[in-house]
Structures are given as C-alpha cells and as structure tokens.
C-alpha atoms as a PDB file:
ATOM      1  CA  MET A   1     -12.873  13.785 -19.399  1.00  0.00           C
ATOM      2  CA  GLN A   2     -10.652  15.214 -22.009  1.00  0.00           C
ATOM      3  CA  GLY A   3      -9.994  19.141 -21.809  1.00  0.00           C
ATOM      4  CA  TYR A   4     -11.741  19.109 -18.745  1.00  0.00           C
ATOM      5  CA  GLU A   5     -10.332  20.628 -15.544  1.00  0.00           C
ATOM      6  CA  LEU A   6     -10.529  17.676 -12.563  1.00  0.00           C
ATOM      7  CA  PHE A   7     -13.484  18.656 -10.394  1.00  0.00           C
ATOM      8  CA  GLN A   8     -15.187  19.812 -13.927  1.00  0.00           C
ATOM      9  CA  SER A   9     -15.012  16.510 -15.303  1.00  0.00           C
ATOM     10  CA  ILE A  10     -15.686  14.786 -11.953  1.00  0.00           C
ATOM     11  CA  GLU A  11     -19.700  17.025 -11.600  1.00  0.00           C
ATOM     12  CA  ALA A  12     -19.819  16.779 -14.965  1.00  0.00           C
ATOM     13  CA  LEU A  13     -19.943  12.953 -14.841  1.00  0.00           C
ATOM     14  CA  ARG A  14     -22.227  13.157 -11.223  1.00  0.00           C
ATOM     15  CA  ARG A  15     -24.563  15.012 -13.671  1.00  0.00           C
ATOM     16  CA  LEU A  16     -24.256  12.658 -16.207  1.00  0.00           C
ATOM     17  CA  GLY A  17     -25.880   9.910 -14.036  1.00  0.00           C
ATOM     18  CA  PHE A  18     -22.099   7.745 -14.297  1.00  0.00           C
ATOM     19  CA  PRO A  19     -22.332   5.693 -10.869  1.00  0.00           C
ATOM     20  CA  THR A  20     -18.278   4.353 -11.838  1.00  0.00           C
ATOM     21  CA  ILE A  21     -15.361   6.811 -12.110  1.00  0.00           C
ATOM     22  CA  GLU A  22     -11.973   6.447 -12.645  1.00  0.00           C
ATOM     23  CA  ILE A  23      -9.675   9.452 -11.478  1.00  0.00           C
ATOM     24  CA  HIS A  24      -5.750   9.926 -12.640  1.00  0.00           C
ATOM     25  CA  PRO A  25      -3.256   9.945  -9.726  1.00  0.00           C
ATOM     26  CA  MET A  26      -1.009  11.512 -12.808  1.00  0.00           C
ATOM     27  CA  GLY A  27      -0.357  14.813 -14.728  1.00  0.00           C
ATOM     28  CA  VAL A  28      -2.491  17.848 -13.421  1.00  0.00           C
ATOM     29  CA  PRO A  29      -5.678  19.453 -12.677  1.00  0.00           C
ATOM     30  CA  ALA A  30      -5.755  21.697 -15.156  1.00  0.00           C
ATOM     31  CA  ALA A  31      -7.440  21.845 -18.309  1.00  0.00           C
ATOM     32  CA  GLN A  32      -5.485  20.853 -21.038  1.00  0.00           C
ATOM     33  CA  PRO A  33      -6.915  20.373 -24.873  1.00  0.00           C
ATOM     34  CA  GLY A  34      -6.885  16.282 -26.009  1.00  0.00           C
ATOM     35  CA  LYS A  35      -5.503  15.416 -22.094  1.00  0.00           C
ATOM     36  CA  PHE A  36      -7.336  13.887 -18.995  1.00  0.00           C
ATOM     37  CA  PRO A  37      -7.569  15.904 -15.903  1.00  0.00           C
ATOM     38  CA  GLY A  38      -5.308  14.543 -12.993  1.00  0.00           C
ATOM     39  CA  PHE A  39      -3.091  14.728 -10.100  1.00  0.00           C
ATOM     40  CA  GLU A  40      -0.094  14.051  -8.243  1.00  0.00           C
ATOM     41  CA  PHE A  41      -0.672  13.184  -4.769  1.00  0.00           C
ATOM     42  CA  ALA A  42       2.085  14.268  -3.107  1.00  0.00           C
ATOM     43  CA  ARG A  43       1.706  17.770  -4.764  1.00  0.00           C
ATOM     44  CA  LEU A  44      -1.176  18.283  -3.370  1.00  0.00           C
ATOM     45  CA  ALA A  45      -2.367  20.514   0.054  1.00  0.00           C
ATOM     46  CA  GLU A  46      -4.384  18.607   2.452  1.00  0.00           C
ATOM     47  CA  ARG A  47      -7.431  21.002   2.287  1.00  0.00           C
ATOM     48  CA  GLU A  48      -7.198  20.126  -1.858  1.00  0.00           C
ATOM     49  CA  ARG A  49      -6.686  16.309  -0.607  1.00  0.00           C
ATOM     50  CA  LYS A  50      -9.747  16.584   0.961  1.00  0.00           C
ATOM     51  CA  LYS A  51     -11.622  18.462  -1.450  1.00  0.00           C
ATOM     52  CA  LEU A  52     -10.961  15.836  -4.040  1.00  0.00           C
ATOM     53  CA  ARG A  53     -12.080  13.045  -1.021  1.00  0.00           C
ATOM     54  CA  LYS A  54     -15.290  15.000  -0.919  1.00  0.00           C
ATOM     55  CA  ALA A  55     -15.915  15.664  -4.639  1.00  0.00           C
ATOM     56  CA  LEU A  56     -15.968  11.641  -4.988  1.00  0.00           C
ATOM     57  CA  GLU A  57     -18.891  10.941  -2.776  1.00  0.00           C
ATOM     58  CA  GLY A  58     -21.606   9.659  -4.046  1.00  0.00           C
ATOM     59  CA  PHE A  59     -20.184   7.687  -7.030  1.00  0.00           C
ATOM     60  CA  ARG A  60     -20.955   3.801  -6.394  1.00  0.00           C
ATOM     61  CA  HIS A  61     -17.745   2.792  -7.857  1.00  0.00           C
ATOM     62  CA  VAL A  62     -14.156   4.417  -7.879  1.00  0.00           C
ATOM     63  CA  THR A  63     -11.129   3.740  -9.126  1.00  0.00           C
ATOM     64  CA  THR A  64      -7.917   4.739  -9.892  1.00  0.00           C
ATOM     65  CA  HIS A  65      -5.131   4.886 -12.904  1.00  0.00           C
ATOM     66  CA  LEU A  66      -1.770   4.154 -11.795  1.00  0.00           C
ATOM     67  CA  PRO A  67       0.869   6.192 -13.599  1.00  0.00           C
ATOM     68  CA  TYR A  68       2.794   4.993 -16.844  1.00  0.00           C
ATOM     69  CA  SER A  69       3.838   7.300 -19.035  1.00  0.00           C
ATOM     70  CA  GLY A  70       7.643   7.749 -19.879  1.00  0.00           C
ATOM     71  CA  LEU A  71       8.138   5.451 -16.330  1.00  0.00           C
ATOM     72  CA  VAL A  72      10.576   2.611 -15.964  1.00  0.00           C
ATOM     73  CA  PRO A  73       9.777   1.041 -12.705  1.00  0.00           C
ATOM     74  CA  PHE A  74      11.117  -2.146 -13.730  1.00  0.00           C
ATOM     75  CA  ALA A  75      14.734  -1.079 -14.786  1.00  0.00           C
ATOM     76  CA  ARG A  76      17.607  -3.319 -13.960  1.00  0.00           C
ATOM     77  CA  ASP A  77      19.081  -0.413 -12.452  1.00  0.00           C
ATOM     78  CA  GLU A  78      17.430   0.094  -9.290  1.00  0.00           C
ATOM     79  CA  THR A  79      18.590   3.785  -8.556  1.00  0.00           C
ATOM     80  CA  VAL A  80      17.361   3.922 -11.974  1.00  0.00           C
ATOM     81  CA  ALA A  81      13.733   2.725 -11.366  1.00  0.00           C
ATOM     82  CA  GLU A  82      13.380   4.656  -7.991  1.00  0.00           C
ATOM     83  CA  ALA A  83      11.977   7.512  -9.140  1.00  0.00           C
ATOM     84  CA  SER A  84       9.266   5.909 -11.279  1.00  0.00           C
ATOM     85  CA  VAL A  85       8.662   3.554  -8.286  1.00  0.00           C
ATOM     86  CA  ARG A  86       7.512   6.326  -5.741  1.00  0.00           C
ATOM     87  CA  LYS A  87       5.431   7.696  -8.422  1.00  0.00           C
ATOM     88  CA  ILE A  88       3.676   4.715  -8.472  1.00  0.00           C
ATOM     89  CA  ARG A  89       3.170   4.655  -4.220  1.00  0.00           C
ATOM     90  CA  ASP A  90       2.549   8.307  -4.361  1.00  0.00           C
ATOM     91  CA  ALA A  91      -0.533   7.331  -6.773  1.00  0.00           C
ATOM     92  CA  MET A  92      -1.486   4.250  -4.612  1.00  0.00           C
ATOM     93  CA  GLU A  93      -1.568   6.391  -1.537  1.00  0.00           C
ATOM     94  CA  ALA A  94      -3.827   8.670  -3.338  1.00  0.00           C
ATOM     95  CA  THR A  95      -5.920   4.897  -4.349  1.00  0.00           C
ATOM     96  CA  ALA A  96      -6.305   4.560  -0.738  1.00  0.00           C
ATOM     97  CA  TYR A  97      -6.999   8.443   0.795  1.00  0.00           C
ATOM     98  CA  VAL A  98     -10.500   8.488  -1.850  1.00  0.00           C
ATOM     99  CA  GLY A  99     -11.440   5.098  -0.823  1.00  0.00           C
ATOM    100  CA  ALA A 100     -11.373   3.530  -4.217  1.00  0.00           C
ATOM    101  CA  GLU A 101     -12.041  -0.081  -4.678  1.00  0.00           C
ATOM    102  CA  LEU A 102      -9.610  -0.443  -7.390  1.00  0.00           C
ATOM    103  CA  ALA A 103      -6.390   0.543  -9.279  1.00  0.00           C
ATOM    104  CA  VAL A 104      -5.461  -0.201 -12.473  1.00  0.00           C
ATOM    105  CA  LEU A 105      -1.540  -1.213 -13.342  1.00  0.00           C
ATOM    106  CA  HIS A 106       0.683  -0.967 -16.630  1.00  0.00           C
ATOM    107  CA  VAL A 107       3.282  -3.518 -16.560  1.00  0.00           C
ATOM    108  CA  VAL A 108       5.657  -0.811 -18.348  1.00  0.00           C
ATOM    109  CA  ALA A 109       8.577  -2.936 -20.372  1.00  0.00           C
ATOM    110  CA  PRO A 110      11.732  -3.136 -18.355  1.00  0.00           C
ATOM    111  CA  LYS A 111      15.032  -1.407 -19.289  1.00  0.00           C
ATOM    112  CA  GLY A 112      17.811  -2.883 -19.866  1.00  0.00           C
ATOM    113  CA  TRP A 113      17.354  -6.325 -19.962  1.00  0.00           C
ATOM    114  CA  THR A 114      14.623  -8.401 -20.866  1.00  0.00           C
ATOM    115  CA  TYR A 115      11.589  -9.822 -20.013  1.00  0.00           C
ATOM    116  CA  ARG A 116      12.459 -13.114 -19.058  1.00  0.00           C
ATOM    117  CA  GLU A 117      15.563 -11.848 -16.873  1.00  0.00           C
ATOM    118  CA  ALA A 118      13.061  -9.381 -15.262  1.00  0.00           C
ATOM    119  CA  ARG A 119      10.612 -11.343 -14.548  1.00  0.00           C
ATOM    120  CA  PRO A 120      10.956 -12.161 -10.956  1.00  0.00           C
ATOM    121  CA  SER A 121      11.581  -8.600 -10.080  1.00  0.00           C
ATOM    122  CA  ILE A 122       8.605  -7.683 -11.854  1.00  0.00           C
ATOM    123  CA  VAL A 123       6.389 -10.213  -9.923  1.00  0.00           C
ATOM    124  CA  ARG A 124       8.485  -9.289  -6.805  1.00  0.00           C
ATOM    125  CA  ARG A 125       7.645  -5.761  -6.998  1.00  0.00           C
ATOM    126  CA  ILE A 126       3.918  -6.387  -7.762  1.00  0.00           C
ATOM    127  CA  ARG A 127       3.463  -8.488  -4.660  1.00  0.00           C
ATOM    128  CA  GLU A 128       4.620  -5.839  -2.907  1.00  0.00           C
ATOM    129  CA  TRP A 129       2.097  -3.363  -4.207  1.00  0.00           C
ATOM    130  CA  GLY A 130      -0.911  -5.882  -3.707  1.00  0.00           C
ATOM    131  CA  ASP A 131       0.617  -6.049   0.014  1.00  0.00           C
ATOM    132  CA  TYR A 132       0.097  -2.411   0.368  1.00  0.00           C
ATOM    133  CA  ALA A 133      -3.129  -2.737  -1.323  1.00  0.00           C
ATOM    134  CA  ALA A 134      -4.583  -5.592   0.583  1.00  0.00           C
ATOM    135  CA  ARG A 135      -3.793  -3.285   3.701  1.00  0.00           C
ATOM    136  CA  HIS A 136      -6.084  -0.434   2.736  1.00  0.00           C
ATOM    137  CA  ARG A 137      -8.682  -2.580   0.809  1.00  0.00           C
ATOM    138  CA  PHE A 138      -8.390  -2.337  -2.730  1.00  0.00           C
ATOM    139  CA  THR A 139      -7.349  -4.337  -5.523  1.00  0.00           C
ATOM    140  CA  ILE A 140      -4.348  -3.741  -8.577  1.00  0.00           C
ATOM    141  CA  ALA A 141      -6.203  -5.067 -11.978  1.00  0.00           C
ATOM    142  CA  ILE A 142      -2.717  -5.467 -13.961  1.00  0.00           C
ATOM    143  CA  GLU A 143      -3.876  -3.926 -17.617  1.00  0.00           C
ATOM    144  CA  THR A 144      -3.647  -6.415 -20.838  1.00  0.00           C
ATOM    145  CA  GLY A 145      -0.693  -4.801 -23.079  1.00  0.00           C
ATOM    146  CA  TYR A 146       2.294  -6.230 -21.790  1.00  0.00           C
ATOM    147  CA  PRO A 147       3.523  -8.943 -21.738  1.00  0.00           C
ATOM    148  CA  ALA A 148       2.682  -8.690 -25.787  1.00  0.00           C
ATOM    149  CA  SER A 149       1.419 -12.575 -25.594  1.00  0.00           C
ATOM    150  CA  VAL A 150      -1.812 -13.917 -24.429  1.00  0.00           C
ATOM    151  CA  ASP A 151       0.670 -16.753 -22.538  1.00  0.00           C
ATOM    152  CA  GLU A 152       3.183 -14.628 -20.804  1.00  0.00           C
ATOM    153  CA  PHE A 153       0.363 -12.286 -19.251  1.00  0.00           C
ATOM    154  CA  ALA A 154      -1.300 -14.801 -18.050  1.00  0.00           C
ATOM    155  CA  GLY A 155       1.864 -16.329 -16.507  1.00  0.00           C
ATOM    156  CA  LEU A 156       2.292 -13.421 -14.844  1.00  0.00           C
ATOM    157  CA  VAL A 157      -0.589 -12.470 -13.388  1.00  0.00           C
ATOM    158  CA  LYS A 158      -0.589 -16.678 -11.940  1.00  0.00           C
ATOM    159  CA  ASP A 159       3.322 -16.378 -10.857  1.00  0.00           C
ATOM    160  CA  VAL A 160       2.186 -12.718  -9.079  1.00  0.00           C
ATOM    161  CA  GLY A 161      -0.539 -15.369  -7.019  1.00  0.00           C
ATOM    162  CA  HIS A 162      -1.286 -12.350  -5.081  1.00  0.00           C
ATOM    163  CA  GLU A 163      -5.353 -11.911  -3.328  1.00  0.00           C
ATOM    164  CA  ALA A 164      -5.008  -8.244  -4.123  1.00  0.00           C
ATOM    165  CA  VAL A 165      -3.410  -8.808  -7.581  1.00  0.00           C
ATOM    166  CA  GLY A 166      -5.947  -9.603 -10.567  1.00  0.00           C
ATOM    167  CA  CYS A 167      -6.240  -8.384 -14.293  1.00  0.00           C
ATOM    168  CA  THR A 168      -8.493  -6.215 -16.357  1.00  0.00           C
ATOM    169  CA  ILE A 169      -8.985  -6.391 -20.334  1.00  0.00           C
ATOM    170  CA  ASP A 170      -8.388  -3.417 -22.481  1.00  0.00           C
ATOM    171  CA  VAL A 171     -10.101  -4.558 -25.435  1.00  0.00           C
ATOM    172  CA  GLY A 172      -7.908  -1.945 -27.371  1.00  0.00           C
ATOM    173  CA  HIS A 173      -4.145  -3.775 -26.725  1.00  0.00           C
ATOM    174  CA  GLN A 174      -5.782  -7.309 -27.390  1.00  0.00           C
ATOM    175  CA  ARG A 175      -4.667  -6.466 -31.400  1.00  0.00           C
ATOM    176  CA  GLY A 176      -0.641  -6.436 -30.168  1.00  0.00           C
ATOM    177  CA  PHE A 177      -0.981 -10.095 -28.762  1.00  0.00           C
ATOM    178  CA  LYS A 178       1.532 -11.994 -30.733  1.00  0.00           C
ATOM    179  CA  GLU A 179      -0.859 -14.913 -30.757  1.00  0.00           C
ATOM    180  CA  LEU A 180      -3.508 -12.827 -32.396  1.00  0.00           C
ATOM    181  CA  SER A 181      -1.497 -10.176 -34.041  1.00  0.00           C
ATOM    182  CA  GLY A 182       0.138 -12.973 -36.327  1.00  0.00           C
ATOM    183  CA  ARG A 183      -2.771 -13.850 -38.275  1.00  0.00           C
ATOM    184  CA  THR A 184      -3.574 -10.953 -39.693  1.00  0.00           C
ATOM    185  CA  THR A 185      -1.117  -8.204 -41.721  1.00  0.00           C
ATOM    186  CA  ALA A 186      -0.678  -4.998 -39.801  1.00  0.00           C
ATOM    187  CA  GLN A 187      -2.463  -2.946 -42.380  1.00  0.00           C
ATOM    188  CA  ASP A 188      -5.608  -5.337 -41.879  1.00  0.00           C
ATOM    189  CA  ARG A 189      -5.991  -5.469 -37.810  1.00  0.00           C
ATOM    190  CA  SER A 190      -8.732  -2.934 -37.340  1.00  0.00           C
ATOM    191  CA  SER A 191     -10.814  -4.245 -40.618  1.00  0.00           C
ATOM    192  CA  ALA A 192     -13.135  -6.521 -40.327  1.00  0.00           C
ATOM    193  CA  ALA A 193     -11.367  -8.862 -42.162  1.00  0.00           C
ATOM    194  CA  GLY A 194      -7.976  -8.538 -39.806  1.00  0.00           C
ATOM    195  CA  VAL A 195     -11.071  -9.025 -37.099  1.00  0.00           C
ATOM    196  CA  ARG A 196     -12.362 -12.217 -38.570  1.00  0.00           C
ATOM    197  CA  PRO A 197      -8.912 -14.601 -37.614  1.00  0.00           C
ATOM    198  CA  THR A 198      -8.216 -12.974 -34.388  1.00  0.00           C
ATOM    199  CA  THR A 199     -12.061 -14.184 -33.392  1.00  0.00           C
ATOM    200  CA  THR A 200     -11.241 -18.098 -34.419  1.00  0.00           C
END
C-alpha cells in the first residue's frame, strides 16, 4: 500500500479482509509518498524480524516480491553481480523466515553481454535459487517482462526446469512482448484499437 508504513499497511490489509498479502523485502519500512513499504532483512534486528513474522499470522497466503530495481544480478562481471545477488539471497532468506509460500522474481536484463550470451549463466543462477527455495519450502515465480519475447520467456522457464521454479503473468507487462507489440503502433497500445490485434 503506497504511502503507508510497513506494519500499518499489513494491519490495514488484515482489517480489509484480504486473505493474501505480498510483502517487499526491499526498500524501507517508513511511509514514503508514492512508494510501497518494505524492508531489508539483513538490517532488521531479531526483535523486528519476529514482529514481522507475527504481523503476517492469519493471512491464508503470504508471498514476497524479490528486489530488482537498480540491480544487475546477471552482469558479465561476477564482482559487479555479487552485490545484487546478495540482496536477492537476503530477500529469499526473508521469504523463508516469514514462511511465505512464493517469491516473485524479475529476470533483470544482463549487463555487459547479450541475453543469448548470458542465458547459461542466468539458467544456472536461477536453478541455484530454486535449490534454496526447495530446501525452504517455497516456490520462485519468474514474472513476465524479460526476456521480451514469449518464446524466449517460455524457453527460459523450460530450460531452468526446476521443481521449485515456475512463472507468473503480469498482464501489464504483456504489451512489451515483441510478438504482441509488433502488431500495433506504440501510441495505440493502450487503446481499444491497439488491444484488438494483440489478442487475435
């Protein structure tokens, strides 16, 4: 909930009767205009971690959205990638700690090499994350958006081929798939005329 403090937003969703909640192990707990509240697990004291886990009790489903903004986990230079990978691992630790059943993952565009060149490294890294998820009894869902092709996206999920890794569809990202965006002009993509050719 944008503009709300973390625990305030959790409580508001509970009062509204939502059975499912997604939390962000990224960002800060304080209320900020136009931003979702979040947290960095490594920065939380044990008492705050316990408070968070307690606050989530009673929701039927708890999910997390792994960090992505400003990160380069698939950079060609491993030393550049490592800081980003560490943030994602920290967020997966948070996912396990609060007992979430699913973590949404953005595949961030690789840095310093093409997608084709980076693909084996991307597959290997996601499989490693899948191993962690399986050990801690949650699933990773790769969100649509990148690679920017239906075939490449589906191919990536298939190549990862991990029991703890699947996918999730963000309908707002579908307009970016080249198989769809090529059927209409950029200025028409949000119009009724633009939607028709992408659904046939």
